[in-house]
N, C-alpha and C. Protein backbone atom coordinates (compact mmCIF):
# COMPACT_ATOMS: atom_id res chain seq x y z
N MET A 1 50.55 85.69 -6.78
CA MET A 1 49.90 86.52 -6.70
C MET A 1 49.66 87.16 -8.39
N ILE A 2 48.85 87.14 -8.86
CA ILE A 2 48.92 87.86 -10.44
C ILE A 2 49.05 89.08 -10.60
N GLY A 3 50.00 89.42 -11.51
CA GLY A 3 50.66 90.73 -12.08
C GLY A 3 49.75 90.63 -13.42
N VAL A 4 50.59 92.13 -14.07
CA VAL A 4 49.69 92.07 -15.12
C VAL A 4 51.32 93.07 -16.30
N MET A 5 50.48 92.90 -17.98
CA MET A 5 51.69 93.56 -18.29
C MET A 5 50.23 93.75 -19.74
N SER A 6 50.73 94.58 -20.10
CA SER A 6 49.60 95.64 -20.77
C SER A 6 49.96 95.01 -22.31
N LYS A 7 48.15 95.15 -22.36
CA LYS A 7 48.01 94.63 -23.95
C LYS A 7 47.17 95.96 -24.68
N MET A 8 48.39 97.49 -25.00
CA MET A 8 47.12 98.62 -24.62
C MET A 8 46.28 98.62 -26.14
N ALA A 9 46.97 98.18 -27.61
CA ALA A 9 45.62 98.35 -28.58
C ALA A 9 44.72 97.71 -28.69
N GLU A 10 44.66 96.45 -27.80
CA GLU A 10 42.90 95.90 -28.05
C GLU A 10 42.88 96.38 -26.18
N GLY A 11 42.99 97.18 -25.47
CA GLY A 11 42.59 97.86 -24.19
C GLY A 11 42.50 97.11 -23.12
N TYR A 12 43.48 95.68 -23.15
CA TYR A 12 43.72 95.10 -21.62
C TYR A 12 44.80 94.67 -21.49
N GLU A 13 45.17 93.54 -20.40
CA GLU A 13 46.90 93.77 -19.87
C GLU A 13 46.50 91.88 -20.18
N TYR A 14 47.67 91.52 -20.26
CA TYR A 14 47.99 89.89 -20.14
C TYR A 14 48.10 89.75 -18.31
N PRO A 15 47.62 88.36 -17.91
CA PRO A 15 47.62 88.57 -16.52
C PRO A 15 49.10 87.82 -16.17
N LEU A 16 49.78 88.04 -15.21
CA LEU A 16 51.20 87.43 -15.07
C LEU A 16 50.83 86.67 -13.59
N ILE A 17 52.14 86.38 -13.38
CA ILE A 17 52.60 85.68 -11.63
C ILE A 17 54.10 86.86 -11.10
N ASP A 18 53.54 86.63 -10.08
CA ASP A 18 54.59 87.51 -8.77
C ASP A 18 56.17 86.28 -9.36
N GLY A 19 57.11 87.42 -9.20
CA GLY A 19 58.60 86.24 -9.72
C GLY A 19 58.63 85.59 -10.88
N LEU A 20 57.97 85.78 -12.15
CA LEU A 20 58.82 85.44 -13.39
C LEU A 20 60.26 86.10 -14.04
N ASN A 21 60.85 85.46 -14.24
CA ASN A 21 62.35 86.30 -14.73
C ASN A 21 61.73 86.73 -16.47
N VAL A 22 62.82 87.13 -17.02
CA VAL A 22 61.53 87.72 -18.63
C VAL A 22 61.22 86.77 -19.15
N ASP A 23 62.68 85.78 -19.72
CA ASP A 23 62.27 84.95 -20.45
C ASP A 23 60.59 84.25 -20.50
N GLU A 24 60.81 83.92 -19.20
CA GLU A 24 59.08 82.84 -18.50
C GLU A 24 57.72 84.32 -18.87
N ILE A 25 58.47 85.48 -19.07
CA ILE A 25 57.33 86.63 -19.41
C ILE A 25 57.11 86.29 -20.89
N ILE A 26 57.91 85.98 -20.66
CA ILE A 26 57.76 85.89 -22.44
C ILE A 26 57.04 84.62 -23.11
N ASP A 27 57.35 83.43 -22.60
CA ASP A 27 56.51 82.63 -23.05
C ASP A 27 55.21 82.59 -22.80
N VAL A 28 54.41 83.50 -21.09
CA VAL A 28 53.41 82.69 -21.03
C VAL A 28 52.73 84.08 -21.66
N VAL A 29 53.62 84.77 -22.27
CA VAL A 29 53.00 86.29 -23.15
C VAL A 29 52.71 85.28 -24.92
N ASN A 30 53.73 84.81 -24.85
CA ASN A 30 53.69 83.64 -26.13
C ASN A 30 52.05 82.84 -26.41
N PHE A 31 52.77 82.26 -25.01
CA PHE A 31 51.15 81.33 -24.98
C PHE A 31 49.65 82.07 -25.05
N PHE A 32 49.58 83.41 -24.31
CA PHE A 32 48.63 84.43 -24.93
C PHE A 32 48.03 85.00 -26.01
N GLU A 33 49.32 84.97 -27.02
CA GLU A 33 49.10 85.52 -27.88
C GLU A 33 48.56 84.29 -29.13
N THR A 34 48.70 82.97 -28.75
CA THR A 34 48.45 81.95 -29.22
C THR A 34 46.94 82.10 -29.56
N ILE A 35 46.19 81.71 -28.13
CA ILE A 35 45.19 82.25 -27.99
C ILE A 35 44.44 83.14 -28.83
N GLU A 36 44.61 83.93 -28.85
CA GLU A 36 44.34 85.53 -29.56
C GLU A 36 44.62 85.10 -31.35
N GLN A 37 46.25 84.50 -31.53
CA GLN A 37 45.52 84.10 -32.97
C GLN A 37 44.62 82.86 -33.44
N ALA A 38 44.43 82.28 -32.62
CA ALA A 38 43.54 81.81 -32.57
C ALA A 38 42.12 81.97 -32.90
N TYR A 39 41.34 82.53 -32.18
CA TYR A 39 40.20 83.62 -32.16
C TYR A 39 40.11 84.60 -33.96
N GLU A 40 41.66 85.09 -33.71
CA GLU A 40 41.83 86.80 -34.86
C GLU A 40 42.09 86.21 -35.65
N GLU A 41 43.24 85.40 -36.18
CA GLU A 41 43.41 85.07 -37.15
C GLU A 41 42.32 84.38 -38.38
N THR A 42 42.42 84.48 -39.67
CA THR A 42 41.69 84.20 -39.93
C THR A 42 42.13 82.57 -40.76
N ALA A 43 43.55 82.67 -40.96
CA ALA A 43 44.29 80.95 -41.04
C ALA A 43 44.20 80.30 -39.18
N GLY A 44 44.32 81.23 -37.95
CA GLY A 44 43.90 80.70 -36.50
C GLY A 44 46.23 80.69 -36.12
N ILE A 45 45.99 79.80 -35.56
CA ILE A 45 47.44 79.42 -35.08
C ILE A 45 47.25 77.72 -35.69
N LYS A 46 48.62 77.83 -35.68
CA LYS A 46 49.11 76.40 -36.48
C LYS A 46 49.21 75.40 -34.89
N ARG A 47 48.45 73.77 -35.13
CA ARG A 47 48.54 73.19 -34.14
C ARG A 47 49.98 73.16 -33.30
N ALA A 48 51.04 73.34 -34.00
CA ALA A 48 52.52 72.42 -33.81
C ALA A 48 52.57 73.71 -33.08
N ASP A 49 52.60 74.89 -33.37
CA ASP A 49 52.91 76.04 -32.33
C ASP A 49 52.31 76.51 -31.30
N PHE A 50 50.88 76.23 -31.44
CA PHE A 50 50.33 76.18 -30.07
C PHE A 50 50.80 75.17 -28.97
N ILE A 51 50.86 73.96 -29.07
CA ILE A 51 51.22 73.36 -28.25
C ILE A 51 52.37 72.97 -27.97
N LYS A 52 53.88 73.92 -28.89
CA LYS A 52 55.02 74.42 -27.93
C LYS A 52 54.49 75.33 -27.05
N THR A 53 54.20 76.60 -27.26
CA THR A 53 53.59 77.85 -26.23
C THR A 53 53.04 77.24 -25.31
N TYR A 54 52.46 75.96 -25.30
CA TYR A 54 51.48 76.12 -24.17
C TYR A 54 51.85 74.57 -23.30
N ARG A 55 53.06 74.16 -24.32
CA ARG A 55 53.94 73.18 -23.36
C ARG A 55 55.18 74.14 -22.10
N LYS A 56 55.41 75.39 -23.04
CA LYS A 56 56.13 76.39 -22.17
C LYS A 56 55.41 76.41 -20.86
N PHE A 57 54.33 77.36 -22.01
CA PHE A 57 53.57 78.02 -20.94
C PHE A 57 52.94 76.91 -18.94
N GLN A 58 53.31 75.92 -19.91
CA GLN A 58 52.83 74.62 -18.17
C GLN A 58 53.80 74.25 -17.54
N GLU A 59 54.98 74.21 -18.76
CA GLU A 59 56.60 74.69 -18.25
C GLU A 59 56.91 75.89 -16.78
N VAL A 60 56.70 76.94 -17.45
CA VAL A 60 56.51 77.82 -16.44
C VAL A 60 55.58 78.24 -15.21
N VAL A 61 54.73 77.80 -15.50
CA VAL A 61 52.89 78.03 -14.42
C VAL A 61 52.89 76.37 -14.53
N PRO A 62 53.88 75.61 -13.48
CA PRO A 62 53.84 73.65 -13.47
C PRO A 62 52.42 74.21 -12.51
N ALA A 63 52.13 74.33 -11.55
CA ALA A 63 50.66 74.46 -10.91
C ALA A 63 49.52 74.11 -11.80
N LYS A 64 48.23 73.28 -11.22
CA LYS A 64 47.47 73.16 -12.28
C LYS A 64 45.97 74.69 -12.06
N MET A 65 46.01 74.79 -10.85
CA MET A 65 45.81 75.61 -9.88
C MET A 65 45.94 77.03 -10.46
N GLU A 66 47.22 77.38 -10.58
CA GLU A 66 47.58 78.86 -11.12
C GLU A 66 47.87 78.95 -13.09
N GLN A 67 47.60 78.16 -13.06
CA GLN A 67 47.18 78.00 -14.23
C GLN A 67 45.70 78.51 -14.76
N LYS A 68 45.15 77.90 -14.35
CA LYS A 68 43.53 78.10 -14.30
C LYS A 68 43.22 79.62 -14.08
N GLN A 69 44.13 79.76 -13.58
CA GLN A 69 43.55 81.27 -12.20
C GLN A 69 44.02 82.12 -13.82
N LEU A 70 45.42 82.65 -14.20
CA LEU A 70 45.74 82.70 -14.82
C LEU A 70 44.90 82.44 -16.68
N GLU A 71 44.28 81.56 -16.68
CA GLU A 71 43.58 81.53 -18.13
C GLU A 71 42.45 81.60 -18.04
N THR A 72 41.91 81.81 -16.23
CA THR A 72 40.76 82.58 -16.17
C THR A 72 40.35 83.66 -16.41
N GLU A 73 41.75 84.86 -15.45
CA GLU A 73 41.75 85.75 -15.91
C GLU A 73 42.01 86.23 -17.11
N PHE A 74 42.94 86.04 -18.01
CA PHE A 74 42.98 85.83 -19.27
C PHE A 74 41.71 86.62 -20.08
N ALA A 75 41.25 85.40 -19.81
CA ALA A 75 39.55 85.51 -20.69
C ALA A 75 38.30 85.95 -20.41
N HIS A 76 38.63 86.97 -18.96
CA HIS A 76 37.76 88.39 -17.93
C HIS A 76 37.84 89.15 -18.63
N ARG A 77 39.77 89.03 -18.86
CA ARG A 77 40.39 90.39 -19.94
C ARG A 77 39.58 90.84 -21.55
N SER A 78 39.88 89.56 -22.16
CA SER A 78 40.24 89.47 -23.63
C SER A 78 39.05 89.37 -24.26
N GLY A 79 38.07 88.61 -23.30
CA GLY A 79 37.21 87.32 -24.05
C GLY A 79 37.36 86.12 -24.31
N TYR A 80 38.14 85.68 -24.76
CA TYR A 80 39.32 84.26 -25.24
C TYR A 80 39.06 83.37 -25.03
N ASP A 81 38.50 82.31 -24.71
CA ASP A 81 38.94 81.75 -23.40
C ASP A 81 39.74 80.51 -24.28
N SER A 82 41.05 80.38 -23.51
CA SER A 82 42.14 78.98 -23.50
C SER A 82 41.30 78.08 -23.47
N TYR A 83 40.54 77.53 -23.10
CA TYR A 83 39.89 76.44 -22.78
C TYR A 83 39.37 75.73 -24.26
N GLU A 84 38.09 76.78 -24.44
CA GLU A 84 38.83 76.32 -26.30
C GLU A 84 39.44 75.93 -27.28
N VAL A 85 40.40 76.80 -27.17
CA VAL A 85 41.90 76.64 -27.82
C VAL A 85 42.56 74.91 -27.69
N ILE A 86 42.42 75.45 -26.02
CA ILE A 86 43.31 73.90 -26.25
C ILE A 86 43.04 72.46 -26.58
N LYS A 87 41.37 72.58 -26.21
CA LYS A 87 40.61 71.38 -26.54
C LYS A 87 40.70 70.91 -27.95
N LEU A 88 40.54 72.15 -29.36
CA LEU A 88 41.16 72.10 -30.16
C LEU A 88 42.01 71.15 -30.92
N SER A 89 43.24 71.66 -29.74
CA SER A 89 44.57 71.03 -30.10
C SER A 89 45.00 69.69 -30.16
N LYS A 90 44.11 69.55 -29.27
CA LYS A 90 43.73 67.96 -28.76
C LYS A 90 43.35 67.29 -29.63
N ASP A 91 42.52 67.36 -31.25
CA ASP A 91 42.11 66.93 -32.42
C ASP A 91 44.05 66.96 -32.90
N GLU A 92 44.14 65.63 -33.13
CA GLU A 92 45.56 65.92 -34.00
C GLU A 92 45.35 65.68 -35.68
N GLN A 93 44.49 65.77 -36.09
CA GLN A 93 43.38 65.72 -37.70
C GLN A 93 43.89 66.97 -38.05
N LEU A 94 43.52 68.27 -36.87
CA LEU A 94 43.45 69.53 -36.86
C LEU A 94 45.29 70.53 -37.64
N ALA A 95 45.73 70.62 -38.87
CA ALA A 95 46.77 71.26 -39.21
C ALA A 95 46.77 72.45 -38.36
N ASN A 96 45.52 73.57 -38.36
CA ASN A 96 45.70 74.98 -37.98
C ASN A 96 44.20 75.07 -36.60
N LEU A 97 44.43 75.67 -35.77
CA LEU A 97 43.33 76.28 -34.62
C LEU A 97 42.43 77.21 -34.74
N THR A 98 41.82 76.94 -34.81
CA THR A 98 40.70 78.04 -34.83
C THR A 98 39.33 78.34 -34.39
N VAL A 99 38.90 79.33 -33.63
CA VAL A 99 37.83 79.13 -32.90
C VAL A 99 37.06 80.44 -33.80
N ARG A 100 35.36 80.07 -33.62
CA ARG A 100 34.97 81.02 -34.70
C ARG A 100 33.59 80.79 -33.49
N GLU A 101 33.47 82.65 -32.90
CA GLU A 101 32.94 83.00 -32.19
C GLU A 101 31.48 82.42 -33.00
N ALA A 102 29.92 82.49 -32.37
CA ALA A 102 28.59 81.88 -32.25
C ALA A 102 28.04 83.45 -32.95
């Protein structure tokens, strides 16, 4: 089951799955925050920092289906597509990941 954690300043909530402990919630929220940075920050997010948070997210939510559900729900709520940042992170030549919306 997907739960929520508020991000009131932006007017949306982070999606979460039930049964996570505090450290796991922090890891999931950190992942979503790096997605936001890739979209919102001029310099984006350092590729190495993103990969670190993405791997922790994958450890906390090992099931691909649940990962996709959370990512889809996050995109629905925030307008930020995790897939775009994940795709950028595969380019080893990039130091920073920045998504520029058209």
